[in-house]
Amino acid sequence: MQETAERLLIIDDDEMFCHVLDRALSRRGFEVLVAHDAAQALSLARRHQPQLATLDLKLEHESGLKLLPELLEIVPECRAVVLTGYSSIATAVEAIKLGAVNYLCKPADADEVLAALSRAAGDPETEVADNPPSVNRITWEHIQKVLQEHDGNISATARALGMHRRTLQRKLQKRPVRR
């Protein structure tokens, strides 16, 4: 008797990324479901009860951090990994507190996603960086923390940081700076 394939829900607004990850994971024997927004993700979760999920931190008009608890309320045993091109310490910590089993920076391939989903515990052998983060990286991290505190509201975040809203928008459109 053949076991049923594990169901994995990909939640990401980048259609090309979803397509590539879907193909790679389907080849590895997973039953893959794809959602491009929160409503679609929650509907698929209710209907199919996935065991695994990847969740983009920054969906087009929604926060993956707000979606994560809703997903886990529907499927409490689901192991979710948050993926993002906008990584920061603040969002990584919040993702784990909200129930994610791991947090990965994009670009991430199928092997990295599967490794993140299967890790049951932290790795005390993880290397500690020799150099502290750059001033630009610390600035990026701080902006992300304040943005998170204001639930993604750009205007409120700009006021809290004492900067013009458009300046903040320009900073947020750039890729995160290297450590």
N, C-alpha and C. Protein backbone atom coordinates (compact mmCIF):
# COMPACT_ATOMS: atom_id res chain seq x y z
N MET A 1 0.84 -1.16 0.00
CA MET A 1 0.00 0.00 0.00
C MET A 1 0.90 1.25 0.00
N GLN A 2 0.59 2.20 -0.87
CA GLN A 2 1.40 3.41 -1.01
C GLN A 2 0.87 4.51 -0.08
N GLU A 3 1.82 5.17 0.61
CA GLU A 3 1.44 6.28 1.47
C GLU A 3 1.03 7.47 0.62
N THR A 4 0.13 8.28 1.16
CA THR A 4 -0.26 9.48 0.43
C THR A 4 0.85 10.51 0.56
N ALA A 5 1.00 11.31 -0.47
CA ALA A 5 2.04 12.33 -0.49
C ALA A 5 1.73 13.42 0.53
N GLU A 6 2.79 13.98 1.12
CA GLU A 6 2.58 15.11 2.02
C GLU A 6 2.10 16.30 1.22
N ARG A 7 1.14 17.03 1.78
CA ARG A 7 0.57 18.22 1.14
C ARG A 7 1.35 19.44 1.58
N LEU A 8 1.80 20.23 0.63
CA LEU A 8 2.58 21.42 0.91
C LEU A 8 1.92 22.62 0.24
N LEU A 9 1.64 23.64 1.00
CA LEU A 9 1.01 24.86 0.50
C LEU A 9 2.06 25.94 0.32
N ILE A 10 2.19 26.45 -0.89
CA ILE A 10 3.09 27.57 -1.19
C ILE A 10 2.24 28.83 -1.23
N ILE A 11 2.59 29.80 -0.40
CA ILE A 11 1.85 31.07 -0.36
C ILE A 11 2.83 32.17 -0.74
N ASP A 12 2.70 32.69 -1.94
CA ASP A 12 3.63 33.69 -2.44
C ASP A 12 2.98 34.42 -3.60
N ASP A 13 3.19 35.74 -3.70
CA ASP A 13 2.60 36.50 -4.80
C ASP A 13 3.49 36.52 -6.05
N ASP A 14 4.69 35.94 -5.97
CA ASP A 14 5.59 35.85 -7.12
C ASP A 14 5.26 34.57 -7.89
N GLU A 15 4.53 34.72 -8.98
CA GLU A 15 4.04 33.56 -9.72
C GLU A 15 5.17 32.70 -10.28
N MET A 16 6.25 33.32 -10.74
CA MET A 16 7.37 32.54 -11.29
C MET A 16 8.04 31.72 -10.19
N PHE A 17 8.25 32.32 -9.04
CA PHE A 17 8.84 31.58 -7.91
C PHE A 17 7.95 30.40 -7.55
N CYS A 18 6.64 30.62 -7.48
CA CYS A 18 5.69 29.55 -7.15
C CYS A 18 5.77 28.42 -8.16
N HIS A 19 5.84 28.77 -9.44
CA HIS A 19 5.89 27.77 -10.50
C HIS A 19 7.14 26.91 -10.37
N VAL A 20 8.29 27.55 -10.16
CA VAL A 20 9.56 26.82 -10.05
C VAL A 20 9.55 25.92 -8.82
N LEU A 21 9.12 26.46 -7.67
CA LEU A 21 9.10 25.68 -6.45
C LEU A 21 8.07 24.55 -6.52
N ASP A 22 6.93 24.83 -7.12
CA ASP A 22 5.89 23.82 -7.32
C ASP A 22 6.45 22.64 -8.10
N ARG A 23 7.09 22.92 -9.23
CA ARG A 23 7.65 21.84 -10.06
C ARG A 23 8.69 21.03 -9.31
N ALA A 24 9.59 21.74 -8.64
CA ALA A 24 10.68 21.04 -7.93
C ALA A 24 10.14 20.16 -6.80
N LEU A 25 9.16 20.64 -6.07
CA LEU A 25 8.61 19.87 -4.95
C LEU A 25 7.69 18.75 -5.43
N SER A 26 6.97 18.99 -6.52
CA SER A 26 6.12 17.93 -7.09
C SER A 26 6.99 16.77 -7.56
N ARG A 27 8.14 17.06 -8.15
CA ARG A 27 9.07 16.01 -8.58
C ARG A 27 9.59 15.19 -7.41
N ARG A 28 9.63 15.81 -6.24
CA ARG A 28 10.11 15.11 -5.05
C ARG A 28 8.98 14.37 -4.34
N GLY A 29 7.79 14.34 -4.94
CA GLY A 29 6.71 13.53 -4.41
C GLY A 29 5.70 14.25 -3.54
N PHE A 30 5.77 15.56 -3.46
CA PHE A 30 4.81 16.32 -2.65
C PHE A 30 3.58 16.66 -3.47
N GLU A 31 2.45 16.72 -2.80
CA GLU A 31 1.23 17.24 -3.40
C GLU A 31 1.26 18.74 -3.11
N VAL A 32 1.46 19.54 -4.15
CA VAL A 32 1.68 20.98 -3.96
C VAL A 32 0.41 21.77 -4.28
N LEU A 33 0.09 22.70 -3.38
CA LEU A 33 -1.01 23.65 -3.57
C LEU A 33 -0.37 25.03 -3.60
N VAL A 34 -0.91 25.93 -4.42
CA VAL A 34 -0.33 27.27 -4.55
C VAL A 34 -1.40 28.32 -4.32
N ALA A 35 -1.06 29.31 -3.49
CA ALA A 35 -1.95 30.46 -3.24
C ALA A 35 -1.14 31.73 -3.42
N HIS A 36 -1.77 32.76 -4.01
CA HIS A 36 -1.08 34.02 -4.26
C HIS A 36 -1.51 35.13 -3.32
N ASP A 37 -2.49 34.86 -2.44
CA ASP A 37 -2.92 35.86 -1.46
C ASP A 37 -3.48 35.16 -0.24
N ALA A 38 -3.76 35.94 0.80
CA ALA A 38 -4.21 35.38 2.07
C ALA A 38 -5.54 34.64 1.96
N ALA A 39 -6.50 35.24 1.29
CA ALA A 39 -7.83 34.61 1.18
C ALA A 39 -7.73 33.24 0.49
N GLN A 40 -6.99 33.19 -0.59
CA GLN A 40 -6.82 31.94 -1.33
C GLN A 40 -6.08 30.91 -0.46
N ALA A 41 -5.07 31.36 0.29
CA ALA A 41 -4.30 30.46 1.16
C ALA A 41 -5.17 29.85 2.25
N LEU A 42 -5.98 30.68 2.88
CA LEU A 42 -6.83 30.18 3.96
C LEU A 42 -7.90 29.24 3.44
N SER A 43 -8.43 29.53 2.27
CA SER A 43 -9.42 28.65 1.65
C SER A 43 -8.81 27.28 1.34
N LEU A 44 -7.61 27.28 0.76
CA LEU A 44 -6.93 26.01 0.45
C LEU A 44 -6.58 25.25 1.73
N ALA A 45 -6.17 25.98 2.76
CA ALA A 45 -5.82 25.33 4.03
C ALA A 45 -7.04 24.65 4.65
N ARG A 46 -8.19 25.32 4.62
CA ARG A 46 -9.41 24.73 5.17
C ARG A 46 -9.80 23.46 4.41
N ARG A 47 -9.70 23.54 3.08
CA ARG A 47 -10.14 22.44 2.23
C ARG A 47 -9.18 21.26 2.24
N HIS A 48 -7.86 21.53 2.27
CA HIS A 48 -6.88 20.46 2.05
C HIS A 48 -6.00 20.11 3.25
N GLN A 49 -6.02 20.92 4.33
CA GLN A 49 -5.26 20.63 5.55
C GLN A 49 -3.80 20.24 5.25
N PRO A 50 -3.00 21.17 4.71
CA PRO A 50 -1.61 20.83 4.37
C PRO A 50 -0.76 20.55 5.61
N GLN A 51 0.18 19.63 5.48
CA GLN A 51 1.09 19.34 6.58
C GLN A 51 2.23 20.34 6.63
N LEU A 52 2.55 20.94 5.46
CA LEU A 52 3.68 21.85 5.33
C LEU A 52 3.25 23.10 4.58
N ALA A 53 3.98 24.21 4.83
CA ALA A 53 3.68 25.44 4.10
C ALA A 53 4.92 26.32 4.01
N THR A 54 5.01 27.03 2.89
CA THR A 54 5.98 28.12 2.76
C THR A 54 5.16 29.38 2.65
N LEU A 55 5.59 30.42 3.31
CA LEU A 55 4.80 31.64 3.39
C LEU A 55 5.71 32.84 3.14
N ASP A 56 5.40 33.61 2.11
CA ASP A 56 6.15 34.82 1.82
C ASP A 56 5.85 35.86 2.89
N LEU A 57 6.88 36.50 3.39
CA LEU A 57 6.71 37.51 4.42
C LEU A 57 5.93 38.72 3.90
N LYS A 58 6.20 39.08 2.66
CA LYS A 58 5.62 40.31 2.11
C LYS A 58 4.79 39.97 0.88
N LEU A 59 3.53 39.66 1.11
CA LEU A 59 2.60 39.44 0.01
C LEU A 59 2.23 40.81 -0.54
N GLU A 60 1.67 40.88 -1.73
CA GLU A 60 1.44 42.17 -2.38
C GLU A 60 0.77 43.21 -1.49
N HIS A 61 -0.37 42.87 -0.90
CA HIS A 61 -1.09 43.83 -0.06
C HIS A 61 -1.26 43.34 1.36
N GLU A 62 -0.52 42.30 1.73
CA GLU A 62 -0.72 41.66 3.03
C GLU A 62 0.61 41.28 3.65
N SER A 63 0.59 41.09 4.94
CA SER A 63 1.77 40.66 5.66
C SER A 63 1.68 39.16 5.93
N GLY A 64 2.73 38.45 5.60
CA GLY A 64 2.78 37.03 5.91
C GLY A 64 2.74 36.78 7.41
N LEU A 65 3.25 37.74 8.19
CA LEU A 65 3.22 37.58 9.65
C LEU A 65 1.80 37.62 10.18
N LYS A 66 0.92 38.38 9.55
CA LYS A 66 -0.48 38.40 9.98
C LYS A 66 -1.21 37.13 9.54
N LEU A 67 -0.80 36.59 8.41
CA LEU A 67 -1.44 35.38 7.88
C LEU A 67 -1.02 34.12 8.65
N LEU A 68 0.20 34.09 9.15
CA LEU A 68 0.74 32.89 9.80
C LEU A 68 -0.14 32.37 10.95
N PRO A 69 -0.54 33.20 11.92
CA PRO A 69 -1.40 32.67 13.00
C PRO A 69 -2.75 32.17 12.49
N GLU A 70 -3.30 32.82 11.48
CA GLU A 70 -4.58 32.37 10.91
C GLU A 70 -4.42 31.00 10.27
N LEU A 71 -3.33 30.81 9.55
CA LEU A 71 -3.05 29.52 8.91
C LEU A 71 -2.90 28.43 9.98
N LEU A 72 -2.14 28.73 11.03
CA LEU A 72 -1.90 27.73 12.08
C LEU A 72 -3.14 27.48 12.93
N GLU A 73 -4.07 28.41 12.96
CA GLU A 73 -5.33 28.18 13.67
C GLU A 73 -6.17 27.16 12.90
N ILE A 74 -6.12 27.23 11.58
CA ILE A 74 -6.87 26.30 10.73
C ILE A 74 -6.20 24.92 10.73
N VAL A 75 -4.87 24.91 10.63
CA VAL A 75 -4.11 23.66 10.57
C VAL A 75 -2.99 23.73 11.62
N PRO A 76 -3.30 23.47 12.89
CA PRO A 76 -2.31 23.65 13.97
C PRO A 76 -1.04 22.81 13.82
N GLU A 77 -1.16 21.65 13.18
CA GLU A 77 0.02 20.78 13.04
C GLU A 77 0.87 21.12 11.81
N CYS A 78 0.48 22.12 11.04
CA CYS A 78 1.22 22.51 9.83
C CYS A 78 2.58 23.11 10.21
N ARG A 79 3.62 22.64 9.54
CA ARG A 79 4.97 23.18 9.73
C ARG A 79 5.20 24.23 8.65
N ALA A 80 5.35 25.49 9.08
CA ALA A 80 5.47 26.59 8.13
C ALA A 80 6.86 27.23 8.19
N VAL A 81 7.37 27.55 7.00
CA VAL A 81 8.62 28.27 6.86
C VAL A 81 8.30 29.61 6.21
N VAL A 82 8.80 30.69 6.80
CA VAL A 82 8.61 32.02 6.22
C VAL A 82 9.79 32.30 5.29
N LEU A 83 9.48 32.71 4.07
CA LEU A 83 10.48 33.07 3.07
C LEU A 83 10.41 34.56 2.81
N THR A 84 11.56 35.19 2.61
CA THR A 84 11.52 36.63 2.33
C THR A 84 12.76 37.12 1.61
N GLY A 85 12.54 38.12 0.80
CA GLY A 85 13.64 38.86 0.19
C GLY A 85 13.96 40.09 1.02
N TYR A 86 13.22 40.30 2.10
CA TYR A 86 13.36 41.47 2.96
C TYR A 86 13.64 41.04 4.39
N SER A 87 14.69 40.27 4.56
CA SER A 87 14.95 39.70 5.89
C SER A 87 15.43 40.75 6.88
N SER A 88 15.04 40.54 8.11
CA SER A 88 15.54 41.35 9.23
C SER A 88 15.45 40.50 10.48
N ILE A 89 16.22 40.87 11.47
CA ILE A 89 16.18 40.14 12.73
C ILE A 89 14.79 40.24 13.35
N ALA A 90 14.20 41.43 13.30
CA ALA A 90 12.88 41.64 13.90
C ALA A 90 11.83 40.72 13.30
N THR A 91 11.79 40.61 11.96
CA THR A 91 10.77 39.76 11.34
C THR A 91 11.08 38.28 11.55
N ALA A 92 12.35 37.92 11.61
CA ALA A 92 12.70 36.52 11.87
C ALA A 92 12.23 36.11 13.27
N VAL A 93 12.49 36.96 14.25
CA VAL A 93 12.08 36.66 15.61
C VAL A 93 10.56 36.56 15.70
N GLU A 94 9.85 37.50 15.08
CA GLU A 94 8.39 37.48 15.12
C GLU A 94 7.82 36.24 14.43
N ALA A 95 8.41 35.87 13.29
CA ALA A 95 7.94 34.68 12.57
C ALA A 95 8.03 33.44 13.45
N ILE A 96 9.13 33.29 14.16
CA ILE A 96 9.31 32.13 15.03
C ILE A 96 8.34 32.20 16.21
N LYS A 97 8.19 33.39 16.80
CA LYS A 97 7.24 33.55 17.92
C LYS A 97 5.82 33.22 17.49
N LEU A 98 5.49 33.53 16.23
CA LEU A 98 4.13 33.30 15.74
C LEU A 98 3.90 31.86 15.28
N GLY A 99 4.95 31.03 15.32
CA GLY A 99 4.75 29.62 15.03
C GLY A 99 5.48 29.05 13.83
N ALA A 100 6.24 29.86 13.10
CA ALA A 100 7.02 29.32 11.98
C ALA A 100 8.11 28.40 12.54
N VAL A 101 8.42 27.35 11.80
CA VAL A 101 9.49 26.45 12.24
C VAL A 101 10.84 26.93 11.75
N ASN A 102 10.83 27.84 10.77
CA ASN A 102 12.08 28.36 10.24
C ASN A 102 11.81 29.62 9.43
N TYR A 103 12.89 30.28 9.03
CA TYR A 103 12.83 31.56 8.32
C TYR A 103 13.97 31.54 7.32
N LEU A 104 13.67 31.71 6.05
CA LEU A 104 14.70 31.66 5.00
C LEU A 104 14.70 32.93 4.17
N CYS A 105 15.89 33.33 3.77
CA CYS A 105 16.03 34.46 2.87
C CYS A 105 15.96 33.96 1.44
N LYS A 106 15.25 34.71 0.60
CA LYS A 106 15.22 34.40 -0.84
C LYS A 106 16.49 34.96 -1.47
N PRO A 107 16.96 34.38 -2.52
CA PRO A 107 16.39 33.21 -3.18
C PRO A 107 16.71 31.93 -2.42
N ALA A 108 15.74 31.05 -2.34
CA ALA A 108 15.92 29.75 -1.70
C ALA A 108 15.43 28.69 -2.67
N ASP A 109 16.18 27.60 -2.79
CA ASP A 109 15.76 26.54 -3.71
C ASP A 109 14.99 25.47 -2.93
N ALA A 110 14.49 24.49 -3.66
CA ALA A 110 13.65 23.45 -3.06
C ALA A 110 14.39 22.68 -1.96
N ASP A 111 15.67 22.41 -2.16
CA ASP A 111 16.43 21.67 -1.15
C ASP A 111 16.55 22.48 0.14
N GLU A 112 16.77 23.78 0.03
CA GLU A 112 16.86 24.63 1.22
C GLU A 112 15.51 24.70 1.94
N VAL A 113 14.44 24.79 1.17
CA VAL A 113 13.09 24.84 1.75
C VAL A 113 12.80 23.54 2.50
N LEU A 114 13.10 22.41 1.88
CA LEU A 114 12.85 21.12 2.53
C LEU A 114 13.70 20.94 3.77
N ALA A 115 14.95 21.38 3.71
CA ALA A 115 15.82 21.30 4.89
C ALA A 115 15.27 22.15 6.02
N ALA A 116 14.78 23.34 5.69
CA ALA A 116 14.21 24.24 6.70
C ALA A 116 12.94 23.65 7.31
N LEU A 117 12.12 23.00 6.49
CA LEU A 117 10.89 22.39 6.98
C LEU A 117 11.16 21.17 7.86
N SER A 118 12.25 20.47 7.59
CA SER A 118 12.51 19.22 8.32
C SER A 118 13.33 19.41 9.59
N ARG A 119 13.95 20.57 9.76
CA ARG A 119 14.74 20.79 10.97
C ARG A 119 13.83 20.89 12.18
N ALA A 120 14.06 20.03 13.14
CA ALA A 120 13.20 19.99 14.32
C ALA A 120 13.73 20.89 15.44
N ALA A 121 15.02 21.20 15.41
CA ALA A 121 15.60 21.98 16.51
C ALA A 121 16.67 22.92 15.95
N GLY A 122 17.07 23.86 16.77
CA GLY A 122 18.13 24.79 16.38
C GLY A 122 19.48 24.09 16.30
N ASP A 123 20.44 24.74 15.67
CA ASP A 123 21.76 24.17 15.48
C ASP A 123 22.79 24.99 16.27
N PRO A 124 23.26 24.46 17.41
CA PRO A 124 24.23 25.20 18.21
C PRO A 124 25.58 25.35 17.52
N GLU A 125 25.79 24.64 16.42
CA GLU A 125 27.05 24.72 15.68
C GLU A 125 27.02 25.83 14.62
N THR A 126 25.91 26.57 14.51
CA THR A 126 25.82 27.65 13.55
C THR A 126 26.94 28.65 13.81
N GLU A 127 27.63 29.03 12.74
CA GLU A 127 28.75 29.94 12.88
C GLU A 127 28.28 31.35 13.24
N VAL A 128 29.04 31.98 14.12
CA VAL A 128 28.78 33.36 14.51
C VAL A 128 29.68 34.24 13.64
N ALA A 129 29.10 35.30 13.08
CA ALA A 129 29.86 36.19 12.19
C ALA A 129 31.03 36.83 12.92
N ASP A 130 32.15 36.98 12.21
CA ASP A 130 33.35 37.60 12.78
C ASP A 130 33.19 39.11 12.92
N ASN A 131 32.42 39.71 11.99
CA ASN A 131 32.27 41.16 11.97
C ASN A 131 30.86 41.56 12.36
N PRO A 132 30.74 42.70 13.06
CA PRO A 132 29.38 43.18 13.36
C PRO A 132 28.72 43.67 12.07
N PRO A 133 27.39 43.78 12.07
CA PRO A 133 26.71 44.27 10.86
C PRO A 133 27.10 45.71 10.55
N SER A 134 27.00 46.06 9.28
CA SER A 134 27.33 47.43 8.86
C SER A 134 26.29 48.41 9.38
N VAL A 135 26.64 49.69 9.38
CA VAL A 135 25.70 50.73 9.80
C VAL A 135 24.47 50.70 8.90
N ASN A 136 24.66 50.49 7.59
CA ASN A 136 23.53 50.42 6.67
C ASN A 136 22.61 49.24 7.01
N ARG A 137 23.21 48.12 7.38
CA ARG A 137 22.40 46.95 7.74
C ARG A 137 21.63 47.21 9.03
N ILE A 138 22.27 47.83 10.00
CA ILE A 138 21.60 48.15 11.26
C ILE A 138 20.44 49.11 11.01
N THR A 139 20.65 50.09 10.12
CA THR A 139 19.58 51.02 9.75
C THR A 139 18.42 50.26 9.13
N TRP A 140 18.71 49.35 8.20
CA TRP A 140 17.68 48.53 7.55
C TRP A 140 16.90 47.74 8.60
N GLU A 141 17.61 47.11 9.52
CA GLU A 141 16.98 46.31 10.57
C GLU A 141 16.06 47.19 11.43
N HIS A 142 16.53 48.38 11.77
CA HIS A 142 15.73 49.28 12.61
C HIS A 142 14.45 49.70 11.88
N ILE A 143 14.58 50.05 10.62
CA ILE A 143 13.40 50.43 9.83
C ILE A 143 12.40 49.28 9.80
N GLN A 144 12.87 48.06 9.59
CA GLN A 144 11.99 46.89 9.54
C GLN A 144 11.30 46.68 10.90
N LYS A 145 12.03 46.88 11.98
CA LYS A 145 11.45 46.72 13.32
C LYS A 145 10.34 47.74 13.55
N VAL A 146 10.61 49.01 13.22
CA VAL A 146 9.61 50.05 13.42
C VAL A 146 8.41 49.83 12.51
N LEU A 147 8.66 49.39 11.27
CA LEU A 147 7.58 49.08 10.34
C LEU A 147 6.70 47.97 10.90
N GLN A 148 7.31 46.95 11.47
CA GLN A 148 6.58 45.84 12.08
C GLN A 148 5.75 46.33 13.26
N GLU A 149 6.32 47.23 14.07
CA GLU A 149 5.60 47.77 15.23
C GLU A 149 4.37 48.57 14.82
N HIS A 150 4.40 49.10 13.59
CA HIS A 150 3.28 49.91 13.09
C HIS A 150 2.44 49.13 12.06
N ASP A 151 2.50 47.80 12.14
CA ASP A 151 1.68 46.91 11.31
C ASP A 151 1.81 47.21 9.83
N GLY A 152 3.01 47.57 9.38
CA GLY A 152 3.25 47.82 7.96
C GLY A 152 2.75 49.16 7.46
N ASN A 153 2.27 50.02 8.35
CA ASN A 153 1.76 51.34 7.95
C ASN A 153 2.94 52.26 7.67
N ILE A 154 3.15 52.61 6.39
CA ILE A 154 4.28 53.42 5.97
C ILE A 154 4.24 54.81 6.59
N SER A 155 3.07 55.45 6.58
CA SER A 155 2.96 56.82 7.11
C SER A 155 3.29 56.85 8.60
N ALA A 156 2.72 55.92 9.37
CA ALA A 156 2.98 55.88 10.81
C ALA A 156 4.46 55.58 11.08
N THR A 157 5.04 54.70 10.29
CA THR A 157 6.45 54.36 10.46
C THR A 157 7.33 55.56 10.16
N ALA A 158 7.03 56.28 9.07
CA ALA A 158 7.80 57.47 8.71
C ALA A 158 7.74 58.51 9.83
N ARG A 159 6.55 58.71 10.39
CA ARG A 159 6.41 59.66 11.51
C ARG A 159 7.26 59.21 12.70
N ALA A 160 7.21 57.93 13.01
CA ALA A 160 7.96 57.41 14.16
C ALA A 160 9.47 57.54 13.94
N LEU A 161 9.91 57.42 12.69
CA LEU A 161 11.34 57.52 12.38
C LEU A 161 11.77 58.96 12.14
N GLY A 162 10.80 59.87 12.06
CA GLY A 162 11.13 61.28 11.81
C GLY A 162 11.63 61.52 10.40
N MET A 163 11.07 60.80 9.44
CA MET A 163 11.47 61.01 8.05
C MET A 163 10.24 61.17 7.17
N HIS A 164 10.47 61.70 5.99
CA HIS A 164 9.38 61.89 5.03
C HIS A 164 8.91 60.52 4.53
N ARG A 165 7.61 60.38 4.32
CA ARG A 165 7.03 59.11 3.87
C ARG A 165 7.66 58.63 2.57
N ARG A 166 7.88 59.53 1.62
CA ARG A 166 8.46 59.12 0.32
C ARG A 166 9.91 58.64 0.47
N THR A 167 10.63 59.27 1.38
CA THR A 167 12.01 58.82 1.63
C THR A 167 11.98 57.39 2.16
N LEU A 168 11.08 57.13 3.09
CA LEU A 168 10.95 55.78 3.63
C LEU A 168 10.54 54.80 2.53
N GLN A 169 9.59 55.19 1.69
CA GLN A 169 9.17 54.30 0.59
C GLN A 169 10.35 53.96 -0.32
N ARG A 170 11.18 54.95 -0.63
CA ARG A 170 12.36 54.69 -1.48
C ARG A 170 13.30 53.71 -0.80
N LYS A 171 13.53 53.89 0.49
CA LYS A 171 14.42 52.98 1.24
C LYS A 171 13.86 51.55 1.24
N LEU A 172 12.55 51.44 1.38
CA LEU A 172 11.92 50.11 1.43
C LEU A 172 11.92 49.41 0.08
N GLN A 173 11.99 50.17 -1.01
CA GLN A 173 12.00 49.56 -2.34
C GLN A 173 13.34 48.94 -2.67
N LYS A 174 14.39 49.37 -1.98
CA LYS A 174 15.72 48.82 -2.21
C LYS A 174 15.84 47.46 -1.55
N ARG A 175 16.75 46.65 -2.07
CA ARG A 175 17.03 45.36 -1.46
C ARG A 175 17.70 45.57 -0.11
N PRO A 176 17.53 44.66 0.82
CA PRO A 176 18.22 44.81 2.09
C PRO A 176 19.72 44.83 1.87
N VAL A 177 20.41 45.62 2.66
CA VAL A 177 21.85 45.71 2.53
C VAL A 177 22.50 44.47 3.11
N ARG A 178 23.68 44.15 2.59
CA ARG A 178 24.43 42.98 3.10
C ARG A 178 24.89 43.24 4.52
N ARG A 179 25.12 42.19 5.20
CA ARG A 179 25.61 42.28 6.58
C ARG A 179 27.02 42.77 6.53
